[in-house]
């Protein structure tokens, strides 16, 4: 196999693994969907930026070896899960009680998105497996790591944007106030379900 083919194969493996992890529903993606449904695309962008920035910080920490702490200290994962659960429950309440997007209510802050991403055990454990288990056919190692993190960081942003766009598109087709409120409450309930499922999985 030539160098170009080897690089293409390693990149395809990295992309497939990363998309399977990042694209599946989880605390951050569900929160972006819920915020987009409740507050609209533009007002959800700062929150999405916070979620993306927090997830990229997790990637950088994993690349630096911090993810090993979760395996060395089993008590850290339940603590992160509890923090993520509390934030998701608060976010669900905010979305449940929010007026329709046109009313101009304030969306959750970017800081909240950063904190949720940092407290999301899925990010640490699943992304940790991707970072550790997939490498690009590039030398030297520093260049390979930089390229791998750049690809993963771009995917973080693109995947969350795709979830947000899909949520807003669906919500836009259901623009009647009563219907919009019903959709918001369905998304709030889904956040509660995601929070409780994550908590149950850590017990």
Protein backbone atom coordinates (compact mmCIF):
# COMPACT_ATOMS: atom_id res chain seq x y z
CA UNK A 1 0.00 0.00 0.00
CA UNK A 2 1.40 3.38 -1.01
CA UNK A 3 1.83 6.28 1.39
CA UNK A 4 -1.15 8.16 -0.03
CA UNK A 5 -3.41 5.12 0.17
CA UNK A 6 -2.25 4.40 3.71
CA UNK A 7 -3.01 7.98 4.75
CA UNK A 8 -6.45 7.80 3.13
CA UNK A 9 -7.24 4.53 4.88
CA UNK A 10 -6.13 5.82 8.28
CA UNK A 11 -8.11 9.06 7.79
CA UNK A 12 -11.22 7.08 6.79
CA UNK A 13 -10.92 4.97 9.92
CA UNK A 14 -10.54 8.04 12.11
CA UNK A 15 -13.53 9.77 10.49
CA UNK A 16 -15.75 6.70 10.77
CA UNK A 17 -14.96 6.20 14.45
CA UNK A 18 -15.30 9.89 15.27
CA UNK A 19 -18.61 10.30 13.45
CA UNK A 20 -20.02 7.23 15.18
CA UNK A 21 -19.16 8.75 18.56
CA UNK A 22 -19.91 12.42 17.90
CA UNK A 23 -22.95 11.92 15.71
CA UNK A 24 -24.87 9.70 18.09
CA UNK A 25 -27.31 11.36 20.51
CA UNK A 26 -25.70 12.38 23.77
CA UNK A 27 -25.88 15.14 26.39
CA UNK A 28 -24.24 17.83 24.26
CA UNK A 29 -25.99 17.04 20.98
CA UNK A 30 -29.37 16.74 22.70
CA UNK A 31 -28.81 20.04 24.47
CA UNK A 32 -27.93 21.78 21.18
CA UNK A 33 -31.09 20.35 19.58
CA UNK A 34 -33.22 21.50 22.51
CA UNK A 35 -31.70 24.99 22.60
CA UNK A 36 -32.12 25.37 18.84
CA UNK A 37 -35.74 24.27 19.03
CA UNK A 38 -36.52 26.68 21.84
CA UNK A 39 -34.48 29.75 20.83
CA UNK A 40 -33.85 29.53 17.09
CA UNK A 41 -30.66 29.10 15.04
CA UNK A 42 -28.93 32.45 15.60
CA UNK A 43 -29.55 32.65 19.35
CA UNK A 44 -28.42 29.03 19.74
CA UNK A 45 -25.07 29.66 18.02
CA UNK A 46 -23.27 31.09 21.10
CA UNK A 47 -24.35 28.05 23.11
CA UNK A 48 -23.19 25.76 20.29
CA UNK A 49 -19.85 27.58 20.27
CA UNK A 50 -19.53 26.93 24.01
CA UNK A 51 -20.33 23.23 23.61
CA UNK A 52 -17.85 22.95 20.74
CA UNK A 53 -15.13 24.81 22.63
CA UNK A 54 -15.63 22.62 25.70
CA UNK A 55 -15.47 19.43 23.63
CA UNK A 56 -12.31 20.62 21.90
CA UNK A 57 -10.79 21.32 25.32
CA UNK A 58 -11.59 17.71 26.22
CA UNK A 59 -9.81 16.57 23.05
CA UNK A 60 -6.73 18.60 23.94
CA UNK A 61 -6.75 17.24 27.49
CA UNK A 62 -7.06 13.68 26.19
CA UNK A 63 -4.16 14.25 23.83
CA UNK A 64 -2.16 15.39 26.87
CA UNK A 65 -2.94 12.19 28.75
CA UNK A 66 -5.41 13.59 31.27
CA UNK A 67 -8.04 11.04 30.22
CA UNK A 68 -6.02 8.37 32.03
CA UNK A 69 -7.18 9.94 35.30
CA UNK A 70 -10.71 8.68 34.65
CA UNK A 71 -9.40 5.14 34.51
CA UNK A 72 -6.99 5.57 37.41
CA UNK A 73 -9.63 7.22 39.64
CA UNK A 74 -13.03 5.57 39.12
CA UNK A 75 -14.72 8.10 41.40
CA UNK A 76 -14.21 10.93 38.90
CA UNK A 77 -16.65 9.63 36.28
CA UNK A 78 -19.70 9.60 38.62
CA UNK A 79 -18.82 13.12 39.76
CA UNK A 80 -18.74 14.34 36.17
CA UNK A 81 -22.01 12.52 35.47
CA UNK A 82 -23.70 14.17 38.44
CA UNK A 83 -22.56 17.62 37.34
CA UNK A 84 -23.76 17.01 33.76
CA UNK A 85 -27.10 15.68 35.05
CA UNK A 86 -27.73 18.75 37.17
CA UNK A 87 -26.97 21.09 34.27
CA UNK A 88 -29.16 19.13 31.86
CA UNK A 89 -32.06 19.21 34.32
CA UNK A 90 -31.67 22.98 34.71
CA UNK A 91 -31.49 23.37 30.92
CA UNK A 92 -34.63 21.24 30.51
CA UNK A 93 -36.49 23.49 32.95
CA UNK A 94 -35.29 26.61 31.10
CA UNK A 95 -36.47 25.23 27.76
CA UNK A 96 -39.77 23.97 29.23
CA UNK A 97 -40.57 27.44 30.52
CA UNK A 98 -39.15 29.45 27.57
CA UNK A 99 -41.54 31.47 25.38
CA UNK A 100 -41.55 30.78 21.61
CA UNK A 101 -38.35 31.85 19.80
CA UNK A 102 -39.90 35.05 18.47
CA UNK A 103 -40.44 36.34 21.99
CA UNK A 104 -36.73 37.16 22.38
CA UNK A 105 -35.94 35.23 25.55
CA UNK A 106 -32.26 34.87 26.41
CA UNK A 107 -30.74 31.57 25.32
CA UNK A 108 -28.37 29.60 27.58
CA UNK A 109 -24.89 31.09 27.73
CA UNK A 110 -21.74 29.79 26.01
CA UNK A 111 -20.27 29.16 29.47
CA UNK A 112 -23.03 26.66 30.15
CA UNK A 113 -22.15 24.83 26.96
CA UNK A 114 -18.46 24.72 27.92
CA UNK A 115 -19.27 23.36 31.39
CA UNK A 116 -21.62 20.69 30.04
CA UNK A 117 -19.02 19.52 27.52
CA UNK A 118 -16.32 19.36 30.19
CA UNK A 119 -18.61 17.44 32.56
CA UNK A 120 -19.85 15.03 29.88
CA UNK A 121 -18.44 11.56 30.64
CA UNK A 122 -19.21 10.42 27.07
CA UNK A 123 -16.78 13.02 25.76
CA UNK A 124 -13.98 11.81 28.00
CA UNK A 125 -14.52 8.07 27.60
CA UNK A 126 -15.72 7.70 24.00
CA UNK A 127 -13.54 10.43 22.52
CA UNK A 128 -10.68 9.07 24.59
CA UNK A 129 -11.04 5.76 22.75
CA UNK A 130 -11.03 7.56 19.39
CA UNK A 131 -7.99 9.68 20.24
CA UNK A 132 -6.04 6.70 21.56
CA UNK A 133 -7.16 4.10 19.04
CA UNK A 134 -6.88 5.87 15.68
CA UNK A 135 -3.80 7.47 14.20
CA UNK A 136 -3.05 8.98 10.83
CA UNK A 137 -0.28 7.67 8.62
CA UNK A 138 1.76 10.84 9.01
CA UNK A 139 5.27 11.45 10.35
CA UNK A 140 6.65 12.89 12.58
CA UNK A 141 4.39 12.12 15.60
CA UNK A 142 3.86 15.81 16.47
CA UNK A 143 2.53 16.52 12.97
CA UNK A 144 0.28 13.46 13.14
CA UNK A 145 -1.19 14.50 16.48
CA UNK A 146 -1.78 18.06 15.26
CA UNK A 147 -3.53 16.81 12.11
CA UNK A 148 -5.63 14.31 14.06
CA UNK A 149 -6.77 16.93 16.58
CA UNK A 150 -7.54 19.42 13.78
CA UNK A 151 -9.77 16.86 12.03
CA UNK A 152 -11.55 15.95 15.26
CA UNK A 153 -12.02 19.60 16.26
CA UNK A 154 -13.56 20.40 12.87
CA UNK A 155 -15.89 17.42 13.21
CA UNK A 156 -16.99 18.61 16.65
CA UNK A 157 -18.18 21.90 15.17
CA UNK A 158 -19.72 20.39 12.02
CA UNK A 159 -21.63 17.65 13.84
CA UNK A 160 -23.16 20.07 16.34
CA UNK A 161 -24.03 22.48 13.52
CA UNK A 162 -25.75 19.65 11.66
CA UNK A 163 -27.81 18.72 14.74
CA UNK A 164 -28.73 22.38 15.28
CA UNK A 165 -29.71 22.95 11.65
CA UNK A 166 -31.87 19.82 11.59
CA UNK A 167 -33.61 20.79 14.82
CA UNK A 168 -34.34 24.32 13.64
CA UNK A 169 -35.56 23.06 10.26
CA UNK A 170 -38.04 20.70 11.90
CA UNK A 171 -39.13 23.33 14.42
CA UNK A 172 -39.63 25.87 11.63
CA UNK A 173 -42.16 23.59 9.98
CA UNK A 174 -44.11 23.53 13.22
CA UNK A 175 -44.29 27.27 13.73
CA UNK A 176 -47.72 27.62 15.31
CA UNK A 177 -47.31 28.85 18.89
CA UNK A 178 -49.04 25.87 20.47
CA UNK A 179 -47.13 23.43 18.30
CA UNK A 180 -43.84 25.22 18.94
CA UNK A 181 -44.47 25.09 22.67
CA UNK A 182 -45.29 21.38 22.44
CA UNK A 183 -42.04 20.72 20.53
CA UNK A 184 -40.05 22.66 23.13
CA UNK A 185 -41.58 20.60 25.92
CA UNK A 186 -40.89 17.36 24.07
CA UNK A 187 -37.23 18.42 23.76
CA UNK A 188 -37.14 19.40 27.44
CA UNK A 189 -38.51 15.96 28.34
CA UNK A 190 -35.89 14.36 26.07
CA UNK A 191 -33.17 16.24 27.95
CA UNK A 192 -34.51 14.96 31.24
CA UNK A 193 -34.51 11.42 29.81
CA UNK A 194 -30.93 11.84 28.59
CA UNK A 195 -29.84 13.18 31.98
CA UNK A 196 -31.48 10.32 33.88
CA UNK A 197 -30.16 7.71 31.45
CA UNK A 198 -26.64 9.02 31.91
CA UNK A 199 -27.04 8.99 35.66
CA UNK A 200 -28.41 5.44 35.65
CA UNK A 201 -25.56 4.27 33.45
CA UNK A 202 -23.01 5.53 35.96
CA UNK A 203 -24.54 3.65 38.91
